[in-house]
């Protein structure tokens, strides 16, 4: 077999594995987040825009039965969103990290992967997120996701779905720089034997990334809800600029913690159906062992 054929076959296998990792990792991540994310994000959006407390907004949305108002939009887009997220992350890991393993990447390589991933998501995800954020506010009085899409198109034009794109670009890039670029550094700072080390690493990186990027998150909220960023937020001082930061950071910590768990397993996920088969075999072994123990510990006659 010619060398170029071998190279092509190897690249095809690597690309297929990366696609499987994106599909599996994105699906797992989406299912983990969906039930908790929707009411938290809705309350954060209200807090960012009206400057009242997160708990006040949570209770107010609960009274209006609007906590899960954006659930259909989030459900439709969350798993594909995670697919895109992990697909881009895998792509840049393969392109920028010689070993193809983020855990073995240098600080510069990790940072480049994070920035590039965050930037690449913007074009694909901004329209979906725009509709989701609009649906989170009862004040817009949309009857549902389709009504939101149609009314925005009629009232604000097709480019409205990309409002705040520049803010989203900087927010995503800087946040992913913190979440991915600092991953190895944070992990090395933690004691080797602590429980849930990957989870803790991801959570701490989420705090770093959310703090670094939050001014652009506020700019994004202002642009997408037709609010003056300078008059309503920036000119009112740092407290106003941090409205919703704490619950927002916890939200990103959840995302980043899941990322911290999934990143180390991307190599195994790249096996596609083999990964499912290995998981099924492990479950079968555990179930068999458990059954055998029950049999041995049962009453003897």
Protein backbone atom coordinates (compact mmCIF):
# COMPACT_ATOMS: atom_id res chain seq x y z
CA UNK A 1 0.00 0.00 0.00
CA UNK A 2 1.33 3.45 -0.99
CA UNK A 3 2.35 5.85 1.82
CA UNK A 4 -0.20 8.46 0.74
CA UNK A 5 -2.94 5.81 0.93
CA UNK A 6 -1.88 4.90 4.44
CA UNK A 7 -1.89 8.57 5.43
CA UNK A 8 -5.34 9.09 3.93
CA UNK A 9 -6.71 6.01 5.69
CA UNK A 10 -5.23 7.13 9.01
CA UNK A 11 -6.71 10.62 8.64
CA UNK A 12 -10.10 9.16 7.73
CA UNK A 13 -10.03 6.90 10.78
CA UNK A 14 -9.02 9.80 13.02
CA UNK A 15 -11.76 12.05 11.60
CA UNK A 16 -14.38 9.30 12.03
CA UNK A 17 -13.27 8.75 15.61
CA UNK A 18 -13.48 12.48 16.31
CA UNK A 19 -17.01 12.55 14.90
CA UNK A 20 -18.05 9.65 17.14
CA UNK A 21 -16.53 11.39 20.14
CA UNK A 22 -18.50 14.54 19.31
CA UNK A 23 -21.77 12.64 18.93
CA UNK A 24 -21.37 10.54 22.08
CA UNK A 25 -19.86 13.29 24.24
CA UNK A 26 -22.40 15.86 23.07
CA UNK A 27 -25.35 13.55 23.69
CA UNK A 28 -24.19 12.64 27.20
CA UNK A 29 -23.46 16.26 28.03
CA UNK A 30 -26.80 17.50 26.69
CA UNK A 31 -28.82 14.95 28.62
CA UNK A 32 -26.94 15.74 31.83
CA UNK A 33 -27.60 19.47 31.59
CA UNK A 34 -31.10 19.80 30.15
CA UNK A 35 -33.35 19.39 33.25
CA UNK A 36 -31.36 21.83 35.38
CA UNK A 37 -30.18 24.37 32.84
CA UNK A 38 -33.51 25.77 31.63
CA UNK A 39 -34.86 27.43 34.84
CA UNK A 40 -31.40 28.61 35.88
CA UNK A 41 -30.69 30.29 32.54
CA UNK A 42 -34.14 31.92 32.44
CA UNK A 43 -33.60 33.45 35.90
CA UNK A 44 -30.09 34.60 34.97
CA UNK A 45 -31.38 36.35 31.84
CA UNK A 46 -33.97 38.25 33.86
CA UNK A 47 -31.35 39.19 36.46
CA UNK A 48 -28.98 40.53 33.81
CA UNK A 49 -31.67 42.76 32.35
CA UNK A 50 -33.68 43.99 35.34
CA UNK A 51 -30.85 43.96 37.95
CA UNK A 52 -33.04 42.28 40.56
CA UNK A 53 -31.76 39.29 42.49
CA UNK A 54 -31.59 35.82 40.99
CA UNK A 55 -33.91 34.44 43.68
CA UNK A 56 -36.46 37.21 43.10
CA UNK A 57 -36.50 36.47 39.39
CA UNK A 58 -36.65 32.72 39.98
CA UNK A 59 -39.72 33.16 42.22
CA UNK A 60 -41.30 35.62 39.80
CA UNK A 61 -40.89 33.25 36.85
CA UNK A 62 -42.23 30.43 39.01
CA UNK A 63 -45.35 32.50 39.82
CA UNK A 64 -45.82 33.18 36.11
CA UNK A 65 -45.22 29.48 35.31
CA UNK A 66 -42.49 30.66 32.96
CA UNK A 67 -39.41 28.88 34.35
CA UNK A 68 -39.53 26.28 31.58
CA UNK A 69 -40.87 28.62 28.91
CA UNK A 70 -37.75 28.11 26.76
CA UNK A 71 -37.66 24.32 27.28
CA UNK A 72 -38.73 23.36 23.72
CA UNK A 73 -36.12 25.67 22.19
CA UNK A 74 -33.43 24.43 24.54
CA UNK A 75 -34.39 20.78 24.03
CA UNK A 76 -34.35 21.14 20.24
CA UNK A 77 -30.94 22.75 20.20
CA UNK A 78 -29.00 21.61 23.27
CA UNK A 79 -27.75 18.24 22.03
CA UNK A 80 -26.86 19.51 18.51
CA UNK A 81 -25.20 22.46 20.24
CA UNK A 82 -23.05 20.06 22.27
CA UNK A 83 -22.29 18.06 19.13
CA UNK A 84 -20.96 21.19 17.45
CA UNK A 85 -19.04 22.14 20.59
CA UNK A 86 -17.26 18.79 20.87
CA UNK A 87 -16.81 18.40 17.12
CA UNK A 88 -14.91 21.69 16.93
CA UNK A 89 -12.96 20.88 20.10
CA UNK A 90 -11.94 17.49 18.71
CA UNK A 91 -11.03 19.04 15.36
CA UNK A 92 -8.68 21.59 16.92
CA UNK A 93 -7.17 19.01 19.28
CA UNK A 94 -6.29 16.90 16.24
CA UNK A 95 -4.96 19.94 14.35
CA UNK A 96 -3.09 21.78 17.09
CA UNK A 97 -1.97 19.09 19.55
CA UNK A 98 0.65 16.72 18.07
CA UNK A 99 -0.30 13.84 20.39
CA UNK A 100 -4.02 14.29 19.69
CA UNK A 101 -4.60 14.27 23.47
CA UNK A 102 -5.51 17.50 25.27
CA UNK A 103 -4.15 16.16 28.56
CA UNK A 104 -0.70 16.01 26.94
CA UNK A 105 -0.96 19.45 25.33
CA UNK A 106 1.25 22.39 26.28
CA UNK A 107 -0.30 25.50 27.82
CA UNK A 108 -0.09 27.29 24.48
CA UNK A 109 -1.72 24.39 22.62
CA UNK A 110 -4.51 24.14 25.22
CA UNK A 111 -5.15 27.87 25.04
CA UNK A 112 -5.27 27.83 21.22
CA UNK A 113 -7.75 24.92 21.27
CA UNK A 114 -9.99 26.79 23.69
CA UNK A 115 -9.98 30.10 21.81
CA UNK A 116 -10.45 28.45 18.41
CA UNK A 117 -13.32 26.27 19.65
CA UNK A 118 -15.18 29.18 21.24
CA UNK A 119 -14.77 31.33 18.13
CA UNK A 120 -15.84 28.61 15.70
CA UNK A 121 -19.15 27.96 17.48
CA UNK A 122 -20.39 31.53 17.03
CA UNK A 123 -21.63 31.36 13.44
CA UNK A 124 -23.57 28.14 13.99
CA UNK A 125 -25.00 28.73 17.45
CA UNK A 126 -25.80 32.45 17.70
CA UNK A 127 -29.23 32.25 15.94
CA UNK A 128 -30.35 29.34 18.12
CA UNK A 129 -29.17 31.04 21.31
CA UNK A 130 -30.84 34.29 20.24
CA UNK A 131 -34.25 32.56 20.00
CA UNK A 132 -33.64 30.72 23.27
CA UNK A 133 -32.79 33.91 25.17
CA UNK A 134 -35.81 35.72 23.71
CA UNK A 135 -38.06 32.85 24.82
CA UNK A 136 -36.72 33.11 28.37
CA UNK A 137 -38.35 36.54 28.88
CA UNK A 138 -42.16 36.57 29.26
CA UNK A 139 -42.02 40.30 28.49
CA UNK A 140 -41.64 39.54 24.78
CA UNK A 141 -45.01 37.72 24.87
CA UNK A 142 -44.08 35.14 22.25
CA UNK A 143 -46.61 32.32 22.06
CA UNK A 144 -43.91 29.73 21.37
CA UNK A 145 -40.65 29.05 19.58
CA UNK A 146 -42.14 29.25 16.07
CA UNK A 147 -44.00 32.46 16.91
CA UNK A 148 -40.72 33.92 18.18
CA UNK A 149 -38.86 33.01 14.98
CA UNK A 150 -41.61 34.41 12.74
CA UNK A 151 -42.13 37.64 14.69
CA UNK A 152 -38.42 38.40 14.91
CA UNK A 153 -38.10 37.92 11.15
CA UNK A 154 -41.07 40.20 10.44
CA UNK A 155 -40.36 42.87 13.05
CA UNK A 156 -36.55 43.02 13.13
CA UNK A 157 -35.36 41.35 9.92
CA UNK A 158 -33.29 38.20 9.23
CA UNK A 159 -30.04 39.68 10.56
CA UNK A 160 -31.63 40.03 14.01
CA UNK A 161 -30.83 36.36 14.73
CA UNK A 162 -27.14 37.33 14.74
CA UNK A 163 -27.49 40.30 17.09
CA UNK A 164 -24.61 40.50 19.52
CA UNK A 165 -22.41 38.21 17.42
CA UNK A 166 -19.25 40.18 18.21
CA UNK A 167 -20.02 39.98 21.94
CA UNK A 168 -20.71 36.24 21.66
CA UNK A 169 -17.44 35.79 19.75
CA UNK A 170 -15.37 37.40 22.50
CA UNK A 171 -17.37 35.78 25.29
CA UNK A 172 -17.02 32.28 23.83
CA UNK A 173 -13.36 32.66 22.93
CA UNK A 174 -12.33 34.09 26.31
CA UNK A 175 -14.53 31.69 28.28
CA UNK A 176 -13.15 28.66 26.42
CA UNK A 177 -9.63 30.03 26.92
CA UNK A 178 -10.27 29.80 30.66
CA UNK A 179 -12.12 26.48 30.56
CA UNK A 180 -9.76 24.60 28.21
CA UNK A 181 -6.58 26.67 28.20
CA UNK A 182 -6.14 26.43 31.98
CA UNK A 183 -7.27 22.80 32.24
CA UNK A 184 -3.84 21.14 32.53
CA UNK A 185 -2.47 23.91 34.77
CA UNK A 186 -5.35 23.62 37.23
CA UNK A 187 -5.26 19.82 37.18
CA UNK A 188 -1.54 19.80 38.03
CA UNK A 189 -2.19 22.14 40.97
CA UNK A 190 -4.68 19.72 42.55
CA UNK A 191 -3.47 16.82 44.72
CA UNK A 192 -3.19 13.63 42.69
CA UNK A 193 -5.29 11.53 45.05
CA UNK A 194 -8.32 13.75 45.57
CA UNK A 195 -11.72 12.30 44.67
CA UNK A 196 -13.41 13.56 41.48
CA UNK A 197 -10.24 15.28 40.30
CA UNK A 198 -11.48 15.74 36.72
CA UNK A 199 -14.78 17.14 38.00
CA UNK A 200 -13.01 19.61 40.30
CA UNK A 201 -10.63 20.66 37.53
CA UNK A 202 -13.48 21.36 35.13
CA UNK A 203 -15.43 23.28 37.77
CA UNK A 204 -12.49 25.53 38.68
CA UNK A 205 -11.77 26.20 35.01
CA UNK A 206 -15.42 27.16 34.62
CA UNK A 207 -15.04 29.81 37.34
CA UNK A 208 -11.94 31.19 35.61
CA UNK A 209 -13.56 31.26 32.19
CA UNK A 210 -16.84 32.81 33.35
CA UNK A 211 -15.11 35.62 35.27
CA UNK A 212 -12.82 36.50 32.36
CA UNK A 213 -15.69 36.63 29.85
CA UNK A 214 -18.60 38.06 31.86
CA UNK A 215 -18.44 41.68 30.59
CA UNK A 216 -19.03 40.33 27.09
CA UNK A 217 -21.89 38.18 28.38
CA UNK A 218 -23.59 41.35 29.64
CA UNK A 219 -22.96 43.03 26.28
CA UNK A 220 -24.51 40.01 24.56
CA UNK A 221 -27.62 40.22 26.76
CA UNK A 222 -28.04 43.93 26.03
CA UNK A 223 -27.67 43.56 22.26
CA UNK A 224 -30.00 40.58 21.93
CA UNK A 225 -32.75 42.19 24.01
CA UNK A 226 -32.49 45.65 22.42
CA UNK A 227 -31.18 47.33 25.60
CA UNK A 228 -28.55 50.09 25.72
CA UNK A 229 -25.41 48.46 27.14
CA UNK A 230 -23.81 51.76 28.16
CA UNK A 231 -26.85 53.44 29.72
CA UNK A 232 -28.48 50.41 31.35
CA UNK A 233 -25.36 48.52 32.45
CA UNK A 234 -21.85 49.92 32.01
CA UNK A 235 -22.55 53.46 33.27
CA UNK A 236 -24.11 52.11 36.47
CA UNK A 237 -20.89 50.61 37.81
CA UNK A 238 -19.34 47.25 38.51
CA UNK A 239 -22.24 45.90 40.61
CA UNK A 240 -24.60 46.33 37.68
CA UNK A 241 -22.03 44.77 35.34
CA UNK A 242 -21.88 41.71 37.58
CA UNK A 243 -25.66 41.21 37.80
CA UNK A 244 -26.31 37.50 37.49
CA UNK A 245 -22.61 36.61 37.61
CA UNK A 246 -22.72 34.20 40.56
CA UNK A 247 -25.54 31.98 39.24
CA UNK A 248 -24.07 32.40 35.75
CA UNK A 249 -20.71 31.18 37.02
CA UNK A 250 -22.39 28.20 38.69
CA UNK A 251 -24.12 27.46 35.39
CA UNK A 252 -20.80 27.49 33.53
CA UNK A 253 -19.18 25.47 36.34
CA UNK A 254 -21.77 22.74 35.68
CA UNK A 255 -20.96 22.90 31.96
CA UNK A 256 -17.23 22.91 32.58
CA UNK A 257 -17.41 20.12 35.17
CA UNK A 258 -19.17 17.94 32.59
CA UNK A 259 -16.47 18.99 30.13
CA UNK A 260 -13.83 17.99 32.66
CA UNK A 261 -15.33 14.52 32.92
CA UNK A 262 -15.79 14.03 29.17
CA UNK A 263 -12.48 15.45 27.88
CA UNK A 264 -10.33 12.67 29.38
CA UNK A 265 -12.67 10.08 27.82
CA UNK A 266 -12.70 11.48 24.30
CA UNK A 267 -10.07 9.02 23.12
CA UNK A 268 -12.19 6.06 24.21
CA UNK A 269 -15.35 7.67 22.83
CA UNK A 270 -13.64 7.93 19.47
CA UNK A 271 -14.10 4.18 19.16
CA UNK A 272 -17.75 4.80 18.29
CA UNK A 273 -19.82 1.64 18.54
CA UNK A 274 -16.87 -0.15 20.15
CA UNK A 275 -17.15 2.29 23.06
CA UNK A 276 -20.79 1.25 23.56
CA UNK A 277 -19.86 -2.44 23.30
CA UNK A 278 -17.09 -2.07 25.88
CA UNK A 279 -19.47 -0.21 28.20
CA UNK A 280 -22.11 -2.92 27.78
CA UNK A 281 -19.55 -5.63 28.52
CA UNK A 282 -18.45 -3.83 31.69
CA UNK A 283 -22.05 -3.50 32.84
CA UNK A 284 -22.64 -7.17 32.10
CA UNK A 285 -19.58 -8.13 34.15
CA UNK A 286 -20.74 -6.00 37.09
CA UNK A 287 -24.25 -7.45 36.92
CA UNK A 288 -22.90 -11.02 36.74
CA UNK A 289 -20.60 -10.43 39.69
CA UNK A 290 -23.44 -8.93 41.71
CA UNK A 291 -25.74 -11.86 40.89
CA UNK A 292 -23.05 -14.36 41.86
CA UNK A 293 -22.55 -12.63 45.21
CA UNK A 294 -26.27 -12.74 45.91
CA UNK A 295 -26.26 -16.44 45.12
CA UNK A 296 -23.37 -17.13 47.48
CA UNK A 297 -24.81 -15.03 50.30
CA UNK A 298 -28.31 -16.58 50.05
CA UNK A 299 -29.78 -19.01 52.60
CA UNK A 300 -28.12 -22.39 52.70
CA UNK A 301 -30.24 -25.53 53.14
